[in-house]
Amino acid sequence: MKRTLDLDMNQRPVVALADEYPAGFVDNAHSHERIQLLYASVGVMSVVTEQTSFVIPPQRAVWIPSQVRHEVSCRGPVSLRTLYIDPKYEREDPDCHIVEVGTLLKALILEVT
């Protein structure tokens, strides 16, 4: 299993991670220095923050601002594809947001990872 700590976050404004998680996998509450666009190309994840919770199917991703604590649970096997984005691109709104993943965004995420 790959870990965020294994990535060189200083080289580029966007760093990608692809990994496979088994059913029932839980990534306990944590946060990142960078913004995270959390996406599963296959499978369904649950994301819980202190303010809200989301169910993320392959048609959606969740934008997680930097420093937001979150826990991720995999309901079944998940093909994770996530982007870590330089915090200088942070939105004015500090909350997590659902992002619809259409054909173009899916292709871009898969290409980067």
N, C-alpha and C. Protein backbone atom coordinates (compact mmCIF):
# COMPACT_ATOMS: atom_id res chain seq x y z
N MET A 1 0.84 -1.17 0.00
CA MET A 1 0.00 0.00 0.00
C MET A 1 0.89 1.23 0.00
N LYS A 2 0.55 2.19 -0.85
CA LYS A 2 1.31 3.43 -0.93
C LYS A 2 0.84 4.39 0.16
N ARG A 3 1.72 5.30 0.53
CA ARG A 3 1.38 6.27 1.56
C ARG A 3 1.76 7.67 1.08
N THR A 4 1.05 8.65 1.56
CA THR A 4 1.34 10.03 1.21
C THR A 4 2.78 10.39 1.58
N LEU A 5 3.26 9.85 2.68
CA LEU A 5 4.62 10.15 3.11
C LEU A 5 5.67 9.72 2.09
N ASP A 6 5.32 8.79 1.21
CA ASP A 6 6.25 8.29 0.21
C ASP A 6 6.35 9.20 -1.01
N LEU A 7 5.48 10.20 -1.10
CA LEU A 7 5.46 11.07 -2.27
C LEU A 7 6.32 12.30 -2.05
N ASP A 8 6.98 12.77 -3.12
CA ASP A 8 7.74 14.01 -3.08
C ASP A 8 6.79 15.16 -3.37
N MET A 9 6.37 15.85 -2.34
CA MET A 9 5.35 16.90 -2.47
C MET A 9 5.95 18.26 -2.85
N ASN A 10 7.25 18.36 -2.96
CA ASN A 10 7.87 19.66 -3.19
C ASN A 10 8.19 19.95 -4.65
N GLN A 11 8.01 19.01 -5.51
CA GLN A 11 8.45 19.17 -6.89
C GLN A 11 7.43 19.83 -7.81
N ARG A 12 6.15 19.58 -7.59
CA ARG A 12 5.13 20.02 -8.54
C ARG A 12 3.91 20.57 -7.83
N PRO A 13 3.12 21.41 -8.53
CA PRO A 13 1.90 21.93 -7.91
C PRO A 13 0.84 20.85 -7.71
N VAL A 14 0.89 19.78 -8.51
CA VAL A 14 -0.05 18.66 -8.36
C VAL A 14 0.75 17.37 -8.32
N VAL A 15 0.48 16.57 -7.29
CA VAL A 15 1.12 15.26 -7.14
C VAL A 15 0.00 14.23 -7.10
N ALA A 16 0.17 13.14 -7.84
CA ALA A 16 -0.89 12.13 -7.95
C ALA A 16 -0.50 10.84 -7.25
N LEU A 17 -1.51 10.13 -6.78
CA LEU A 17 -1.32 8.84 -6.14
C LEU A 17 -2.39 7.88 -6.64
N ALA A 18 -1.97 6.70 -7.05
CA ALA A 18 -2.90 5.62 -7.43
C ALA A 18 -2.63 4.45 -6.51
N ASP A 19 -3.70 3.86 -5.97
CA ASP A 19 -3.52 2.71 -5.09
C ASP A 19 -4.80 1.88 -5.08
N GLU A 20 -4.70 0.68 -4.59
CA GLU A 20 -5.83 -0.24 -4.49
C GLU A 20 -6.08 -0.53 -3.01
N TYR A 21 -7.32 -0.41 -2.57
CA TYR A 21 -7.68 -0.67 -1.19
C TYR A 21 -8.70 -1.80 -1.12
N PRO A 22 -8.56 -2.68 -0.14
CA PRO A 22 -9.51 -3.79 0.00
C PRO A 22 -10.82 -3.32 0.65
N ALA A 23 -11.85 -4.12 0.49
CA ALA A 23 -13.13 -3.85 1.16
C ALA A 23 -12.88 -3.75 2.66
N GLY A 24 -13.52 -2.78 3.28
CA GLY A 24 -13.40 -2.61 4.71
C GLY A 24 -12.20 -1.80 5.17
N PHE A 25 -11.34 -1.39 4.25
CA PHE A 25 -10.17 -0.59 4.62
C PHE A 25 -10.61 0.74 5.20
N VAL A 26 -9.98 1.15 6.30
CA VAL A 26 -10.26 2.44 6.92
C VAL A 26 -8.94 3.19 7.08
N ASP A 27 -8.90 4.40 6.55
CA ASP A 27 -7.76 5.29 6.75
C ASP A 27 -8.18 6.26 7.85
N ASN A 28 -7.72 6.02 9.06
CA ASN A 28 -8.16 6.78 10.23
C ASN A 28 -7.97 8.28 10.05
N ALA A 29 -8.63 9.05 10.90
CA ALA A 29 -8.63 10.51 10.79
C ALA A 29 -7.21 11.06 10.67
N HIS A 30 -7.03 11.92 9.68
CA HIS A 30 -5.74 12.52 9.38
C HIS A 30 -5.97 13.79 8.56
N SER A 31 -4.93 14.53 8.31
CA SER A 31 -5.02 15.71 7.44
C SER A 31 -3.76 15.76 6.59
N HIS A 32 -3.78 16.66 5.61
CA HIS A 32 -2.66 16.81 4.69
C HIS A 32 -2.23 18.27 4.63
N GLU A 33 -0.97 18.48 4.30
CA GLU A 33 -0.45 19.84 4.09
C GLU A 33 -1.04 20.44 2.82
N ARG A 34 -1.42 19.57 1.89
CA ARG A 34 -1.95 20.01 0.60
C ARG A 34 -3.44 19.77 0.51
N ILE A 35 -4.06 20.43 -0.44
CA ILE A 35 -5.45 20.15 -0.80
C ILE A 35 -5.47 18.72 -1.35
N GLN A 36 -6.55 18.01 -1.12
CA GLN A 36 -6.69 16.66 -1.69
C GLN A 36 -7.97 16.60 -2.50
N LEU A 37 -7.85 16.13 -3.74
CA LEU A 37 -9.01 15.78 -4.54
C LEU A 37 -9.07 14.26 -4.49
N LEU A 38 -9.97 13.74 -3.69
CA LEU A 38 -10.07 12.31 -3.41
C LEU A 38 -11.08 11.68 -4.36
N TYR A 39 -10.63 10.69 -5.14
CA TYR A 39 -11.46 10.11 -6.19
C TYR A 39 -11.21 8.60 -6.25
N ALA A 40 -12.27 7.84 -6.42
CA ALA A 40 -12.15 6.39 -6.62
C ALA A 40 -12.69 6.09 -8.01
N SER A 41 -11.82 5.62 -8.90
CA SER A 41 -12.28 5.29 -10.25
C SER A 41 -13.16 4.04 -10.24
N VAL A 42 -12.99 3.20 -9.23
CA VAL A 42 -13.82 2.01 -9.03
C VAL A 42 -14.09 1.89 -7.54
N GLY A 43 -15.32 1.62 -7.18
CA GLY A 43 -15.67 1.42 -5.78
C GLY A 43 -16.30 2.65 -5.15
N VAL A 44 -16.71 2.49 -3.90
CA VAL A 44 -17.40 3.55 -3.17
C VAL A 44 -16.68 3.77 -1.84
N MET A 45 -16.43 5.05 -1.55
CA MET A 45 -15.79 5.43 -0.29
C MET A 45 -16.74 6.28 0.54
N SER A 46 -16.54 6.25 1.84
CA SER A 46 -17.19 7.19 2.74
C SER A 46 -16.10 8.10 3.29
N VAL A 47 -16.38 9.39 3.33
CA VAL A 47 -15.44 10.37 3.87
C VAL A 47 -16.15 11.12 4.98
N VAL A 48 -15.53 11.14 6.15
CA VAL A 48 -16.12 11.81 7.31
C VAL A 48 -15.16 12.88 7.80
N THR A 49 -15.70 14.11 7.99
CA THR A 49 -14.94 15.19 8.58
C THR A 49 -15.64 15.59 9.88
N GLU A 50 -15.10 16.57 10.57
CA GLU A 50 -15.74 17.04 11.80
C GLU A 50 -17.09 17.71 11.52
N GLN A 51 -17.25 18.25 10.30
CA GLN A 51 -18.48 18.96 9.97
C GLN A 51 -19.51 18.14 9.20
N THR A 52 -19.07 17.16 8.42
CA THR A 52 -20.00 16.48 7.52
C THR A 52 -19.48 15.10 7.14
N SER A 53 -20.28 14.40 6.36
CA SER A 53 -19.85 13.11 5.79
C SER A 53 -20.36 13.01 4.37
N PHE A 54 -19.64 12.25 3.56
CA PHE A 54 -19.96 12.08 2.15
C PHE A 54 -19.87 10.61 1.78
N VAL A 55 -20.67 10.20 0.82
CA VAL A 55 -20.51 8.91 0.16
C VAL A 55 -20.05 9.24 -1.25
N ILE A 56 -18.92 8.66 -1.65
CA ILE A 56 -18.29 9.04 -2.91
C ILE A 56 -18.27 7.85 -3.88
N PRO A 57 -19.19 7.85 -4.86
CA PRO A 57 -19.14 6.84 -5.92
C PRO A 57 -18.20 7.32 -7.03
N PRO A 58 -17.94 6.50 -8.04
CA PRO A 58 -17.00 6.88 -9.11
C PRO A 58 -17.42 8.10 -9.94
N GLN A 59 -18.63 8.56 -9.83
CA GLN A 59 -19.06 9.74 -10.59
C GLN A 59 -18.74 11.03 -9.84
N ARG A 60 -18.18 10.92 -8.65
CA ARG A 60 -17.90 12.11 -7.83
C ARG A 60 -16.53 11.98 -7.16
N ALA A 61 -16.02 13.14 -6.79
CA ALA A 61 -14.80 13.21 -5.97
C ALA A 61 -15.11 14.19 -4.85
N VAL A 62 -14.23 14.24 -3.88
CA VAL A 62 -14.41 15.23 -2.81
C VAL A 62 -13.15 16.09 -2.74
N TRP A 63 -13.38 17.40 -2.71
CA TRP A 63 -12.31 18.39 -2.56
C TRP A 63 -12.13 18.60 -1.06
N ILE A 64 -10.94 18.27 -0.55
CA ILE A 64 -10.66 18.39 0.88
C ILE A 64 -9.58 19.45 1.05
N PRO A 65 -9.93 20.60 1.61
CA PRO A 65 -8.92 21.65 1.80
C PRO A 65 -7.76 21.16 2.68
N SER A 66 -6.64 21.82 2.56
CA SER A 66 -5.49 21.47 3.39
C SER A 66 -5.84 21.62 4.86
N GLN A 67 -5.25 20.77 5.66
CA GLN A 67 -5.40 20.77 7.12
C GLN A 67 -6.77 20.32 7.63
N VAL A 68 -7.67 19.87 6.76
CA VAL A 68 -8.97 19.38 7.21
C VAL A 68 -8.84 17.90 7.59
N ARG A 69 -9.14 17.59 8.83
CA ARG A 69 -9.08 16.20 9.29
C ARG A 69 -10.22 15.42 8.67
N HIS A 70 -9.90 14.23 8.17
CA HIS A 70 -10.91 13.39 7.52
C HIS A 70 -10.54 11.93 7.69
N GLU A 71 -11.57 11.08 7.67
CA GLU A 71 -11.40 9.63 7.72
C GLU A 71 -12.04 9.06 6.47
N VAL A 72 -11.38 8.09 5.87
CA VAL A 72 -11.87 7.46 4.64
C VAL A 72 -12.12 5.98 4.90
N SER A 73 -13.30 5.50 4.50
CA SER A 73 -13.65 4.09 4.63
C SER A 73 -14.04 3.55 3.26
N CYS A 74 -13.60 2.35 2.96
CA CYS A 74 -13.94 1.71 1.69
C CYS A 74 -15.04 0.69 1.92
N ARG A 75 -16.14 0.86 1.25
CA ARG A 75 -17.28 -0.04 1.43
C ARG A 75 -17.05 -1.38 0.74
N GLY A 76 -16.32 -1.36 -0.33
CA GLY A 76 -15.91 -2.54 -1.09
C GLY A 76 -14.52 -2.27 -1.59
N PRO A 77 -13.98 -3.08 -2.49
CA PRO A 77 -12.67 -2.79 -3.07
C PRO A 77 -12.70 -1.43 -3.78
N VAL A 78 -11.64 -0.65 -3.63
CA VAL A 78 -11.58 0.70 -4.20
C VAL A 78 -10.27 0.87 -4.97
N SER A 79 -10.40 1.43 -6.18
CA SER A 79 -9.24 1.87 -6.95
C SER A 79 -9.11 3.37 -6.72
N LEU A 80 -8.23 3.74 -5.80
CA LEU A 80 -8.06 5.13 -5.41
C LEU A 80 -7.21 5.87 -6.44
N ARG A 81 -7.66 7.03 -6.82
CA ARG A 81 -6.89 7.95 -7.66
C ARG A 81 -7.07 9.31 -7.01
N THR A 82 -6.01 9.85 -6.46
CA THR A 82 -6.15 11.10 -5.72
C THR A 82 -5.08 12.08 -6.15
N LEU A 83 -5.42 13.36 -6.08
CA LEU A 83 -4.49 14.42 -6.41
C LEU A 83 -4.23 15.25 -5.16
N TYR A 84 -2.98 15.60 -4.94
CA TYR A 84 -2.59 16.50 -3.87
C TYR A 84 -2.16 17.80 -4.53
N ILE A 85 -2.83 18.89 -4.17
CA ILE A 85 -2.68 20.16 -4.88
C ILE A 85 -2.07 21.20 -3.95
N ASP A 86 -1.15 21.97 -4.49
CA ASP A 86 -0.48 23.03 -3.73
C ASP A 86 -1.53 23.91 -3.05
N PRO A 87 -1.35 24.18 -1.75
CA PRO A 87 -2.36 24.96 -1.02
C PRO A 87 -2.52 26.40 -1.52
N LYS A 88 -1.62 26.87 -2.37
CA LYS A 88 -1.81 28.22 -2.90
C LYS A 88 -3.04 28.29 -3.82
N TYR A 89 -3.57 27.12 -4.19
CA TYR A 89 -4.79 27.06 -5.01
C TYR A 89 -6.05 26.85 -4.16
N GLU A 90 -5.91 27.06 -2.87
CA GLU A 90 -7.03 26.88 -1.94
C GLU A 90 -8.19 27.79 -2.33
N ARG A 91 -9.39 27.28 -2.19
CA ARG A 91 -10.61 28.07 -2.42
C ARG A 91 -10.83 28.98 -1.22
N GLU A 92 -11.62 30.02 -1.42
CA GLU A 92 -11.95 30.90 -0.30
C GLU A 92 -12.79 30.18 0.75
N ASP A 93 -13.63 29.26 0.30
CA ASP A 93 -14.48 28.49 1.20
C ASP A 93 -13.65 27.35 1.81
N PRO A 94 -13.51 27.31 3.13
CA PRO A 94 -12.65 26.29 3.74
C PRO A 94 -13.30 24.92 3.92
N ASP A 95 -14.52 24.73 3.40
CA ASP A 95 -15.22 23.46 3.59
C ASP A 95 -14.94 22.48 2.45
N CYS A 96 -15.18 21.21 2.72
CA CYS A 96 -15.10 20.18 1.69
C CYS A 96 -16.26 20.35 0.71
N HIS A 97 -16.04 19.94 -0.52
CA HIS A 97 -17.07 20.05 -1.55
C HIS A 97 -17.07 18.80 -2.42
N ILE A 98 -18.24 18.43 -2.88
CA ILE A 98 -18.36 17.35 -3.87
C ILE A 98 -18.07 17.93 -5.24
N VAL A 99 -17.33 17.18 -6.03
CA VAL A 99 -17.01 17.56 -7.40
C VAL A 99 -17.56 16.48 -8.32
N GLU A 100 -18.40 16.87 -9.26
CA GLU A 100 -18.89 15.91 -10.25
C GLU A 100 -17.74 15.54 -11.18
N VAL A 101 -17.55 14.26 -11.42
CA VAL A 101 -16.45 13.79 -12.27
C VAL A 101 -17.04 13.32 -13.59
N GLY A 102 -16.95 14.19 -14.58
CA GLY A 102 -17.40 13.86 -15.93
C GLY A 102 -16.29 13.16 -16.70
N THR A 103 -16.53 12.94 -17.96
CA THR A 103 -15.59 12.21 -18.81
C THR A 103 -14.22 12.89 -18.89
N LEU A 104 -14.20 14.21 -19.06
CA LEU A 104 -12.94 14.92 -19.18
C LEU A 104 -12.15 14.89 -17.88
N LEU A 105 -12.77 15.22 -16.75
CA LEU A 105 -12.06 15.22 -15.48
C LEU A 105 -11.56 13.82 -15.14
N LYS A 106 -12.36 12.80 -15.39
CA LYS A 106 -11.94 11.42 -15.13
C LYS A 106 -10.69 11.08 -15.95
N ALA A 107 -10.70 11.45 -17.22
CA ALA A 107 -9.56 11.16 -18.09
C ALA A 107 -8.31 11.89 -17.61
N LEU A 108 -8.47 13.14 -17.17
CA LEU A 108 -7.32 13.90 -16.67
C LEU A 108 -6.75 13.27 -15.39
N ILE A 109 -7.62 12.92 -14.47
CA ILE A 109 -7.15 12.30 -13.22
C ILE A 109 -6.44 10.98 -13.52
N LEU A 110 -7.03 10.15 -14.36
CA LEU A 110 -6.41 8.86 -14.67
C LEU A 110 -5.08 9.04 -15.39
N GLU A 111 -4.98 10.04 -16.24
CA GLU A 111 -3.72 10.29 -16.97
C GLU A 111 -2.62 10.75 -16.00
N VAL A 112 -2.96 11.62 -15.08
CA VAL A 112 -1.97 12.13 -14.13
C VAL A 112 -1.49 11.03 -13.20
N THR A 113 -2.41 10.13 -12.80
CA THR A 113 -2.00 9.07 -11.88
C THR A 113 -1.36 7.93 -12.64
